[in-house]
PDB file of all heavy atoms in Angstrom:
ATOM      1  N   GLY A   1       0.781  -1.246   0.006  1.00  0.00           N
ATOM      2  CA  GLY A   1       0.009  -0.016   0.028  1.00  0.00           C
ATOM      3  C   GLY A   1       0.780   1.268   0.007  1.00  0.00           C
ATOM      4  O   GLY A   1       0.519   2.188  -0.791  1.00  0.00           O
ATOM      5  N   VAL A   2       1.822   1.422   0.849  1.00  0.00           N
ATOM      6  CA  VAL A   2       2.538   2.694   0.977  1.00  0.00           C
ATOM      7  C   VAL A   2       3.352   2.963  -0.302  1.00  0.00           C
ATOM      8  O   VAL A   2       3.304   4.055  -0.824  1.00  0.00           O
ATOM      9  CB  VAL A   2       3.365   2.786   2.260  1.00  0.00           C
ATOM     10  CG1 VAL A   2       4.268   4.036   2.253  1.00  0.00           C
ATOM     11  CG2 VAL A   2       2.470   2.715   3.473  1.00  0.00           C
ATOM     12  N   PRO A   3       4.165   2.006  -0.847  1.00  0.00           N
ATOM     13  CA  PRO A   3       4.852   2.322  -2.039  1.00  0.00           C
ATOM     14  C   PRO A   3       3.934   2.703  -3.188  1.00  0.00           C
ATOM     15  O   PRO A   3       4.219   3.603  -3.974  1.00  0.00           O
ATOM     16  CB  PRO A   3       5.623   0.974  -2.387  1.00  0.00           C
ATOM     17  CG  PRO A   3       5.833   0.387  -1.022  1.00  0.00           C
ATOM     18  CD  PRO A   3       4.610   0.688  -0.251  1.00  0.00           C
ATOM     19  N   ILE A   4       2.806   2.034  -3.295  1.00  0.00           N
ATOM     20  CA  ILE A   4       1.847   2.344  -4.355  1.00  0.00           C
ATOM     21  C   ILE A   4       1.351   3.849  -4.136  1.00  0.00           C
ATOM     22  O   ILE A   4       1.250   4.569  -5.087  1.00  0.00           O
ATOM     23  CB  ILE A   4       0.685   1.346  -4.417  1.00  0.00           C
ATOM     24  CG1 ILE A   4       1.220   0.014  -4.876  1.00  0.00           C
ATOM     25  CG2 ILE A   4      -0.409   1.890  -5.351  1.00  0.00           C
ATOM     26  CD1 ILE A   4       0.218  -1.157  -4.776  1.00  0.00           C
ATOM     27  N   LYS A   5       1.012   4.148  -2.863  1.00  0.00           N
ATOM     28  CA  LYS A   5       0.515   5.459  -2.597  1.00  0.00           C
ATOM     29  C   LYS A   5       1.556   6.549  -2.927  1.00  0.00           C
ATOM     30  O   LYS A   5       1.211   7.605  -3.465  1.00  0.00           O
ATOM     31  CB  LYS A   5       0.108   5.543  -1.114  1.00  0.00           C
ATOM     32  CG  LYS A   5      -0.373   6.861  -0.698  1.00  0.00           C
ATOM     33  CD  LYS A   5      -1.707   7.264  -1.417  1.00  0.00           C
ATOM     34  CE  LYS A   5      -2.221   8.591  -0.905  1.00  0.00           C
ATOM     35  NZ  LYS A   5      -3.410   9.017  -1.577  1.00  0.00           N
ATOM     36  N   ILE A   6       2.863   6.236  -2.716  1.00  0.00           N
ATOM     37  CA  ILE A   6       3.878   7.233  -3.018  1.00  0.00           C
ATOM     38  C   ILE A   6       3.858   7.529  -4.495  1.00  0.00           C
ATOM     39  O   ILE A   6       4.000   8.709  -4.825  1.00  0.00           O
ATOM     40  CB  ILE A   6       5.255   6.679  -2.553  1.00  0.00           C
ATOM     41  CG1 ILE A   6       5.368   6.632  -1.038  1.00  0.00           C
ATOM     42  CG2 ILE A   6       6.398   7.511  -3.149  1.00  0.00           C
ATOM     43  CD1 ILE A   6       6.664   5.986  -0.509  1.00  0.00           C
ATOM     44  N   VAL A   7       3.686   6.582  -5.355  1.00  0.00           N
ATOM     45  CA  VAL A   7       3.749   6.817  -6.848  1.00  0.00           C
ATOM     46  C   VAL A   7       2.377   7.172  -7.409  1.00  0.00           C
ATOM     47  O   VAL A   7       2.289   7.639  -8.514  1.00  0.00           O
ATOM     48  CB  VAL A   7       4.358   5.672  -7.616  1.00  0.00           C
ATOM     49  CG1 VAL A   7       5.820   5.477  -7.100  1.00  0.00           C
ATOM     50  CG2 VAL A   7       3.572   4.431  -7.540  1.00  0.00           C
ATOM     51  N   MET A   8       1.296   6.917  -6.628  1.00  0.00           N
ATOM     52  CA  MET A   8      -0.053   7.264  -7.062  1.00  0.00           C
ATOM     53  C   MET A   8      -0.761   8.067  -5.975  1.00  0.00           C
ATOM     54  O   MET A   8      -1.672   7.579  -5.317  1.00  0.00           O
ATOM     55  CB  MET A   8      -0.840   5.941  -7.358  1.00  0.00           C
ATOM     56  CG  MET A   8      -0.281   5.126  -8.511  1.00  0.00           C
ATOM     57  SD  MET A   8      -1.330   3.658  -8.803  1.00  0.00           S
ATOM     58  CE  MET A   8      -2.859   4.360  -9.315  1.00  0.00           C
ATOM     59  N   PRO A   9      -0.367   9.323  -5.824  1.00  0.00           N
ATOM     60  CA  PRO A   9      -0.950  10.157  -4.705  1.00  0.00           C
ATOM     61  C   PRO A   9      -2.445  10.324  -4.818  1.00  0.00           C
ATOM     62  O   PRO A   9      -3.138  10.610  -3.808  1.00  0.00           O
ATOM     63  CB  PRO A   9      -0.147  11.433  -4.834  1.00  0.00           C
ATOM     64  CG  PRO A   9       0.456  11.469  -6.185  1.00  0.00           C
ATOM     65  CD  PRO A   9       0.654  10.044  -6.552  1.00  0.00           C
ATOM     66  N   GLU A  10      -3.043  10.158  -6.012  1.00  0.00           N
ATOM     67  CA  GLU A  10      -4.474  10.368  -6.221  1.00  0.00           C
ATOM     68  C   GLU A  10      -5.265   9.143  -5.742  1.00  0.00           C
ATOM     69  O   GLU A  10      -6.500   9.232  -5.554  1.00  0.00           O
ATOM     70  CB  GLU A  10      -4.713  10.568  -7.702  1.00  0.00           C
ATOM     71  CG  GLU A  10      -4.555   9.364  -8.589  1.00  0.00           C
ATOM     72  CD  GLU A  10      -3.127   8.999  -8.974  1.00  0.00           C
ATOM     73  OE1 GLU A  10      -2.210   9.714  -8.532  1.00  0.00           O
ATOM     74  OE2 GLU A  10      -2.923   8.039  -9.675  1.00  0.00           O
ATOM     75  N   LEU A  11      -4.618   8.047  -5.431  1.00  0.00           N
ATOM     76  CA  LEU A  11      -5.289   6.840  -4.981  1.00  0.00           C
ATOM     77  C   LEU A  11      -5.647   6.869  -3.483  1.00  0.00           C
ATOM     78  O   LEU A  11      -4.903   7.316  -2.684  1.00  0.00           O
ATOM     79  CB  LEU A  11      -4.306   5.660  -5.185  1.00  0.00           C
ATOM     80  CG  LEU A  11      -4.849   4.234  -5.033  1.00  0.00           C
ATOM     81  CD1 LEU A  11      -5.849   3.934  -6.104  1.00  0.00           C
ATOM     82  CD2 LEU A  11      -3.745   3.202  -5.045  1.00  0.00           C
ATOM     83  N   LYS A  12      -6.870   6.486  -3.200  1.00  0.00           N
ATOM     84  CA  LYS A  12      -7.302   6.386  -1.747  1.00  0.00           C
ATOM     85  C   LYS A  12      -6.908   5.027  -1.290  1.00  0.00           C
ATOM     86  O   LYS A  12      -7.256   3.990  -1.876  1.00  0.00           O
ATOM     87  CB  LYS A  12      -8.820   6.586  -1.644  1.00  0.00           C
ATOM     88  CG  LYS A  12      -9.322   6.552  -0.271  1.00  0.00           C
ATOM     89  CD  LYS A  12     -10.798   6.894  -0.242  1.00  0.00           C
ATOM     90  CE  LYS A  12     -11.452   6.779   1.142  1.00  0.00           C
ATOM     91  NZ  LYS A  12     -10.721   6.844   2.341  1.00  0.00           N
ATOM     92  N   VAL A  13      -6.156   4.967  -0.174  1.00  0.00           N
ATOM     93  CA  VAL A  13      -5.582   3.705   0.322  1.00  0.00           C
ATOM     94  C   VAL A  13      -5.990   3.491   1.769  1.00  0.00           C
ATOM     95  O   VAL A  13      -5.893   4.395   2.599  1.00  0.00           O
ATOM     96  CB  VAL A  13      -4.016   3.729   0.234  1.00  0.00           C
ATOM     97  CG1 VAL A  13      -3.450   2.460   0.796  1.00  0.00           C
ATOM     98  CG2 VAL A  13      -3.600   3.845  -1.199  1.00  0.00           C
ATOM     99  N   THR A  14      -6.434   2.258   2.095  1.00  0.00           N
ATOM    100  CA  THR A  14      -6.665   1.877   3.440  1.00  0.00           C
ATOM    101  C   THR A  14      -5.744   0.693   3.726  1.00  0.00           C
ATOM    102  O   THR A  14      -5.697  -0.266   3.011  1.00  0.00           O
ATOM    103  CB  THR A  14      -8.135   1.443   3.647  1.00  0.00           C
ATOM    104  OG1 THR A  14      -8.991   2.528   3.300  1.00  0.00           O
ATOM    105  CG2 THR A  14      -8.376   1.046   5.111  1.00  0.00           C
ATOM    106  N   LEU A  15      -4.966   0.848   4.843  1.00  0.00           N
ATOM    107  CA  LEU A  15      -4.077  -0.237   5.288  1.00  0.00           C
ATOM    108  C   LEU A  15      -4.712  -0.884   6.506  1.00  0.00           C
ATOM    109  O   LEU A  15      -4.976  -0.252   7.476  1.00  0.00           O
ATOM    110  CB  LEU A  15      -2.724   0.400   5.676  1.00  0.00           C
ATOM    111  CG  LEU A  15      -2.034   1.368   4.657  1.00  0.00           C
ATOM    112  CD1 LEU A  15      -0.834   2.009   5.319  1.00  0.00           C
ATOM    113  CD2 LEU A  15      -1.630   0.572   3.419  1.00  0.00           C
ATOM    114  N   LEU A  16      -4.965  -2.123   6.387  1.00  0.00           N
ATOM    115  CA  LEU A  16      -5.576  -2.952   7.424  1.00  0.00           C
ATOM    116  C   LEU A  16      -4.534  -3.849   8.061  1.00  0.00           C
ATOM    117  O   LEU A  16      -3.893  -4.689   7.357  1.00  0.00           O
ATOM    118  CB  LEU A  16      -6.765  -3.786   6.898  1.00  0.00           C
ATOM    119  CG  LEU A  16      -7.483  -4.671   7.918  1.00  0.00           C
ATOM    120  CD1 LEU A  16      -8.130  -3.862   8.994  1.00  0.00           C
ATOM    121  CD2 LEU A  16      -8.516  -5.540   7.129  1.00  0.00           C
ATOM    122  N   GLU A  17      -4.301  -3.742   9.347  1.00  0.00           N
ATOM    123  CA  GLU A  17      -3.276  -4.518  10.065  1.00  0.00           C
ATOM    124  C   GLU A  17      -3.834  -4.959  11.412  1.00  0.00           C
ATOM    125  O   GLU A  17      -4.407  -4.126  12.125  1.00  0.00           O
ATOM    126  CB  GLU A  17      -1.989  -3.672  10.160  1.00  0.00           C
ATOM    127  CG  GLU A  17      -0.895  -4.284  10.991  1.00  0.00           C
ATOM    128  CD  GLU A  17      -0.478  -5.699  10.520  1.00  0.00           C
ATOM    129  OE1 GLU A  17      -0.256  -5.870   9.352  1.00  0.00           O
ATOM    130  OE2 GLU A  17      -0.384  -6.622  11.369  1.00  0.00           O
ATOM    131  N   ALA A  18      -3.558  -6.204  11.766  1.00  0.00           N
ATOM    132  CA  ALA A  18      -4.092  -6.745  12.979  1.00  0.00           C
ATOM    133  C   ALA A  18      -3.226  -6.397  14.237  1.00  0.00           C
ATOM    134  O   ALA A  18      -3.710  -6.363  15.365  1.00  0.00           O
ATOM    135  CB  ALA A  18      -4.220  -8.278  12.917  1.00  0.00           C
ATOM    136  N   ILE A  19      -1.976  -6.076  14.047  1.00  0.00           N
ATOM    137  CA  ILE A  19      -1.071  -5.851  15.165  1.00  0.00           C
ATOM    138  C   ILE A  19      -0.886  -4.305  15.418  1.00  0.00           C
ATOM    139  O   ILE A  19      -0.459  -3.602  14.562  1.00  0.00           O
ATOM    140  CB  ILE A  19       0.307  -6.518  14.875  1.00  0.00           C
ATOM    141  CG1 ILE A  19       0.086  -8.010  14.766  1.00  0.00           C
ATOM    142  CG2 ILE A  19       1.300  -6.213  15.968  1.00  0.00           C
ATOM    143  CD1 ILE A  19       1.298  -8.765  14.262  1.00  0.00           C
ATOM    144  N   GLY A  20      -1.241  -3.914  16.611  1.00  0.00           N
ATOM    145  CA  GLY A  20      -1.224  -2.469  16.950  1.00  0.00           C
ATOM    146  C   GLY A  20       0.069  -1.771  16.746  1.00  0.00           C
ATOM    147  O   GLY A  20       0.125  -0.633  16.342  1.00  0.00           O
ATOM    148  N   LYS A  21       1.175  -2.405  17.087  1.00  0.00           N
ATOM    149  CA  LYS A  21       2.519  -1.810  16.902  1.00  0.00           C
ATOM    150  C   LYS A  21       2.813  -1.503  15.465  1.00  0.00           C
ATOM    151  O   LYS A  21       3.395  -0.500  15.165  1.00  0.00           O
ATOM    152  CB  LYS A  21       3.615  -2.719  17.524  1.00  0.00           C
ATOM    153  CG  LYS A  21       3.597  -2.829  19.028  1.00  0.00           C
ATOM    154  CD  LYS A  21       4.621  -3.786  19.480  1.00  0.00           C
ATOM    155  CE  LYS A  21       4.541  -4.020  21.026  1.00  0.00           C
ATOM    156  NZ  LYS A  21       5.556  -4.930  21.477  1.00  0.00           N
ATOM    157  N   LYS A  22       2.360  -2.405  14.595  1.00  0.00           N
ATOM    158  CA  LYS A  22       2.557  -2.189  13.206  1.00  0.00           C
ATOM    159  C   LYS A  22       1.679  -1.037  12.662  1.00  0.00           C
ATOM    160  O   LYS A  22       2.095  -0.241  11.825  1.00  0.00           O
ATOM    161  CB  LYS A  22       2.335  -3.449  12.367  1.00  0.00           C
ATOM    162  CG  LYS A  22       3.395  -4.531  12.667  1.00  0.00           C
ATOM    163  CD  LYS A  22       3.165  -5.802  11.891  1.00  0.00           C
ATOM    164  CE  LYS A  22       4.237  -6.826  12.193  1.00  0.00           C
ATOM    165  NZ  LYS A  22       4.110  -8.027  11.384  1.00  0.00           N
ATOM    166  N   VAL A  23       0.444  -0.946  13.177  1.00  0.00           N
ATOM    167  CA  VAL A  23      -0.383   0.134  12.879  1.00  0.00           C
ATOM    168  C   VAL A  23       0.199   1.482  13.300  1.00  0.00           C
ATOM    169  O   VAL A  23       0.205   2.458  12.565  1.00  0.00           O
ATOM    170  CB  VAL A  23      -1.805  -0.011  13.500  1.00  0.00           C
ATOM    171  CG1 VAL A  23      -2.673   1.205  13.295  1.00  0.00           C
ATOM    172  CG2 VAL A  23      -2.496  -1.232  13.006  1.00  0.00           C
ATOM    173  N   ASN A  24       0.839   1.430  14.435  1.00  0.00           N
ATOM    174  CA  ASN A  24       1.573   2.683  14.925  1.00  0.00           C
ATOM    175  C   ASN A  24       2.637   3.055  13.957  1.00  0.00           C
ATOM    176  O   ASN A  24       2.837   4.254  13.620  1.00  0.00           O
ATOM    177  CB  ASN A  24       2.137   2.472  16.324  1.00  0.00           C
ATOM    178  CG  ASN A  24       1.034   2.420  17.416  1.00  0.00           C
ATOM    179  OD1 ASN A  24      -0.046   2.882  17.201  1.00  0.00           O
ATOM    180  ND2 ASN A  24       1.402   1.810  18.491  1.00  0.00           N
ATOM    181  N   PHE A  25       3.393   2.093  13.462  1.00  0.00           N
ATOM    182  CA  PHE A  25       4.438   2.413  12.444  1.00  0.00           C
ATOM    183  C   PHE A  25       3.772   2.971  11.159  1.00  0.00           C
ATOM    184  O   PHE A  25       4.276   3.974  10.655  1.00  0.00           O
ATOM    185  CB  PHE A  25       5.239   1.156  12.057  1.00  0.00           C
ATOM    186  CG  PHE A  25       6.104   1.344  10.883  1.00  0.00           C
ATOM    187  CD1 PHE A  25       7.238   2.146  10.922  1.00  0.00           C
ATOM    188  CD2 PHE A  25       5.700   0.903   9.585  1.00  0.00           C
ATOM    189  CE1 PHE A  25       8.002   2.395   9.728  1.00  0.00           C
ATOM    190  CE2 PHE A  25       6.451   1.080   8.488  1.00  0.00           C
ATOM    191  CZ  PHE A  25       7.644   1.844   8.596  1.00  0.00           C
ATOM    192  N   LEU A  26       2.690   2.400  10.718  1.00  0.00           N
ATOM    193  CA  LEU A  26       2.052   2.823   9.511  1.00  0.00           C
ATOM    194  C   LEU A  26       1.529   4.251   9.646  1.00  0.00           C
ATOM    195  O   LEU A  26       1.731   5.128   8.751  1.00  0.00           O
ATOM    196  CB  LEU A  26       0.893   1.917   9.136  1.00  0.00           C
ATOM    197  CG  LEU A  26       1.260   0.470   8.767  1.00  0.00           C
ATOM    198  CD1 LEU A  26       0.080  -0.431   8.639  1.00  0.00           C
ATOM    199  CD2 LEU A  26       2.114   0.405   7.482  1.00  0.00           C
ATOM    200  N   LYS A  27       0.930   4.587  10.790  1.00  0.00           N
ATOM    201  CA  LYS A  27       0.511   5.925  11.055  1.00  0.00           C
ATOM    202  C   LYS A  27       1.700   6.889  11.042  1.00  0.00           C
ATOM    203  O   LYS A  27       1.573   8.095  10.551  1.00  0.00           O
ATOM    204  CB  LYS A  27      -0.284   6.021  12.322  1.00  0.00           C
ATOM    205  CG  LYS A  27      -1.673   5.345  12.230  1.00  0.00           C
ATOM    206  CD  LYS A  27      -2.432   5.447  13.530  1.00  0.00           C
ATOM    207  CE  LYS A  27      -3.841   4.785  13.347  1.00  0.00           C
ATOM    208  NZ  LYS A  27      -4.624   4.878  14.538  1.00  0.00           N
ATOM    209  N   HIS A  28       2.764   6.432  11.648  1.00  0.00           N
ATOM    210  CA  HIS A  28       4.021   7.320  11.689  1.00  0.00           C
ATOM    211  C   HIS A  28       4.468   7.594  10.292  1.00  0.00           C
ATOM    212  O   HIS A  28       4.769   8.709   9.915  1.00  0.00           O
ATOM    213  CB  HIS A  28       5.098   6.600  12.518  1.00  0.00           C
ATOM    214  CG  HIS A  28       6.419   7.167  12.461  1.00  0.00           C
ATOM    215  ND1 HIS A  28       6.741   8.351  13.091  1.00  0.00           N
ATOM    216  CD2 HIS A  28       7.523   6.802  11.783  1.00  0.00           C
ATOM    217  CE1 HIS A  28       8.033   8.614  12.792  1.00  0.00           C
ATOM    218  NE2 HIS A  28       8.532   7.694  12.033  1.00  0.00           N
ATOM    219  N   ILE A  29       4.587   6.597   9.429  1.00  0.00           N
ATOM    220  CA  ILE A  29       5.202   6.776   8.156  1.00  0.00           C
ATOM    221  C   ILE A  29       4.249   7.597   7.255  1.00  0.00           C
ATOM    222  O   ILE A  29       4.732   8.443   6.490  1.00  0.00           O
ATOM    223  CB  ILE A  29       5.550   5.375   7.475  1.00  0.00           C
ATOM    224  CG1 ILE A  29       6.603   5.563   6.398  1.00  0.00           C
ATOM    225  CG2 ILE A  29       4.346   4.677   6.887  1.00  0.00           C
ATOM    226  CD1 ILE A  29       7.904   5.997   6.879  1.00  0.00           C
ATOM    227  N   ILE A  30       2.937   7.430   7.413  1.00  0.00           N
ATOM    228  CA  ILE A  30       2.008   8.283   6.702  1.00  0.00           C
ATOM    229  C   ILE A  30       2.224   9.707   7.090  1.00  0.00           C
ATOM    230  O   ILE A  30       2.256  10.621   6.210  1.00  0.00           O
ATOM    231  CB  ILE A  30       0.545   7.828   6.998  1.00  0.00           C
ATOM    232  CG1 ILE A  30       0.252   6.471   6.378  1.00  0.00           C
ATOM    233  CG2 ILE A  30      -0.462   8.902   6.548  1.00  0.00           C
ATOM    234  CD1 ILE A  30      -1.087   5.804   6.886  1.00  0.00           C
ATOM    235  N   ARG A  31       2.343   9.975   8.376  1.00  0.00           N
ATOM    236  CA  ARG A  31       2.529  11.362   8.834  1.00  0.00           C
ATOM    237  C   ARG A  31       3.859  11.967   8.354  1.00  0.00           C
ATOM    238  O   ARG A  31       3.836  13.071   7.834  1.00  0.00           O
ATOM    239  CB  ARG A  31       2.467  11.387  10.377  1.00  0.00           C
ATOM    240  CG  ARG A  31       2.528  12.695  11.019  1.00  0.00           C
ATOM    241  CD  ARG A  31       2.393  12.717  12.569  1.00  0.00           C
ATOM    242  NE  ARG A  31       3.401  11.894  13.171  1.00  0.00           N
ATOM    243  CZ  ARG A  31       3.152  10.657  13.689  1.00  0.00           C
ATOM    244  NH1 ARG A  31       1.918  10.177  13.677  1.00  0.00           N
ATOM    245  NH2 ARG A  31       4.093   9.976  14.282  1.00  0.00           N
ATOM    246  N   ILE A  32       4.976  11.321   8.552  1.00  0.00           N
ATOM    247  CA  ILE A  32       6.267  11.909   8.177  1.00  0.00           C
ATOM    248  C   ILE A  32       6.433  12.048   6.650  1.00  0.00           C
ATOM    249  O   ILE A  32       7.126  12.910   6.202  1.00  0.00           O
ATOM    250  CB  ILE A  32       7.443  11.225   8.767  1.00  0.00           C
ATOM    251  CG1 ILE A  32       7.640   9.817   8.270  1.00  0.00           C
ATOM    252  CG2 ILE A  32       7.381  11.252  10.287  1.00  0.00           C
ATOM    253  CD1 ILE A  32       9.058   9.236   8.621  1.00  0.00           C
ATOM    254  N   LEU A  33       5.753  11.164   5.877  1.00  0.00           N
ATOM    255  CA  LEU A  33       5.782  11.335   4.433  1.00  0.00           C
ATOM    256  C   LEU A  33       4.755  12.365   3.888  1.00  0.00           C
ATOM    257  O   LEU A  33       4.833  12.682   2.725  1.00  0.00           O
ATOM    258  CB  LEU A  33       5.598   9.998   3.781  1.00  0.00           C
ATOM    259  CG  LEU A  33       6.705   8.939   3.975  1.00  0.00           C
ATOM    260  CD1 LEU A  33       6.397   7.678   3.233  1.00  0.00           C
ATOM    261  CD2 LEU A  33       8.053   9.480   3.594  1.00  0.00           C
ATOM    262  N   GLY A  34       3.903  12.783   4.793  1.00  0.00           N
ATOM    263  CA  GLY A  34       2.875  13.778   4.371  1.00  0.00           C
ATOM    264  C   GLY A  34       1.855  13.194   3.365  1.00  0.00           C
ATOM    265  O   GLY A  34       1.381  14.006   2.519  1.00  0.00           O
ATOM    266  N   LEU A  35       1.560  11.915   3.513  1.00  0.00           N
ATOM    267  CA  LEU A  35       0.631  11.331   2.526  1.00  0.00           C
ATOM    268  C   LEU A  35      -0.838  11.640   2.940  1.00  0.00           C
ATOM    269  O   LEU A  35      -1.175  11.612   4.097  1.00  0.00           O
ATOM    270  CB  LEU A  35       0.835   9.818   2.496  1.00  0.00           C
ATOM    271  CG  LEU A  35       2.248   9.375   2.112  1.00  0.00           C
ATOM    272  CD1 LEU A  35       2.349   7.805   2.294  1.00  0.00           C
ATOM    273  CD2 LEU A  35       2.593   9.773   0.701  1.00  0.00           C
ATOM    274  N   ASN A  36      -1.623  11.907   1.939  1.00  0.00           N
ATOM    275  CA  ASN A  36      -3.080  12.217   2.122  1.00  0.00           C
ATOM    276  C   ASN A  36      -3.912  11.096   1.559  1.00  0.00           C
ATOM    277  O   ASN A  36      -3.425  10.350   0.748  1.00  0.00           O
ATOM    278  CB  ASN A  36      -3.395  13.508   1.423  1.00  0.00           C
ATOM    279  CG  ASN A  36      -2.654  14.704   1.975  1.00  0.00           C
ATOM    280  OD1 ASN A  36      -2.557  14.876   3.162  1.00  0.00           O
ATOM    281  ND2 ASN A  36      -2.108  15.497   1.087  1.00  0.00           N
ATOM    282  N   ASP A  37      -5.125  11.009   2.110  1.00  0.00           N
ATOM    283  CA  ASP A  37      -6.061   9.979   1.670  1.00  0.00           C
ATOM    284  C   ASP A  37      -5.555   8.578   1.806  1.00  0.00           C
ATOM    285  O   ASP A  37      -5.718   7.681   0.958  1.00  0.00           O
ATOM    286  CB  ASP A  37      -6.574  10.173   0.237  1.00  0.00           C
ATOM    287  CG  ASP A  37      -7.459  11.376   0.093  1.00  0.00           C
ATOM    288  OD1 ASP A  37      -8.192  11.599   1.054  1.00  0.00           O
ATOM    289  OD2 ASP A  37      -7.475  11.988  -0.978  1.00  0.00           O
ATOM    290  N   ILE A  38      -4.886   8.329   2.930  1.00  0.00           N
ATOM    291  CA  ILE A  38      -4.354   6.977   3.273  1.00  0.00           C
ATOM    292  C   ILE A  38      -4.640   6.879   4.805  1.00  0.00           C
ATOM    293  O   ILE A  38      -4.281   7.754   5.587  1.00  0.00           O
ATOM    294  CB  ILE A  38      -2.892   6.783   2.893  1.00  0.00           C
ATOM    295  CG1 ILE A  38      -2.442   5.346   3.329  1.00  0.00           C
ATOM    296  CG2 ILE A  38      -1.986   7.809   3.426  1.00  0.00           C
ATOM    297  CD1 ILE A  38      -1.079   4.937   2.740  1.00  0.00           C
ATOM    298  N   THR A  39      -5.213   5.744   5.176  1.00  0.00           N
ATOM    299  CA  THR A  39      -5.529   5.454   6.550  1.00  0.00           C
ATOM    300  C   THR A  39      -4.999   4.053   6.947  1.00  0.00           C
ATOM    301  O   THR A  39      -5.087   3.157   6.201  1.00  0.00           O
ATOM    302  CB  THR A  39      -7.083   5.435   6.726  1.00  0.00           C
ATOM    303  OG1 THR A  39      -7.605   6.674   6.194  1.00  0.00           O
ATOM    304  CG2 THR A  39      -7.457   5.309   8.143  1.00  0.00           C
ATOM    305  N   ALA A  40      -4.490   4.006   8.194  1.00  0.00           N
ATOM    306  CA  ALA A  40      -4.056   2.727   8.783  1.00  0.00           C
ATOM    307  C   ALA A  40      -5.028   2.377   9.925  1.00  0.00           C
ATOM    308  O   ALA A  40      -5.231   3.198  10.762  1.00  0.00           O
ATOM    309  CB  ALA A  40      -2.672   2.872   9.283  1.00  0.00           C
TER     310      ALA A  40
END
């Protein structure tokens, strides 16, 4: 999801993950990369 979102900023992406620590990482990477329309 994240690599695709980087090259396709117009795409709406939802990242579904069962492990909370990994979700925290995903939220962190979304924030620091400044990605929009992507949710973990």
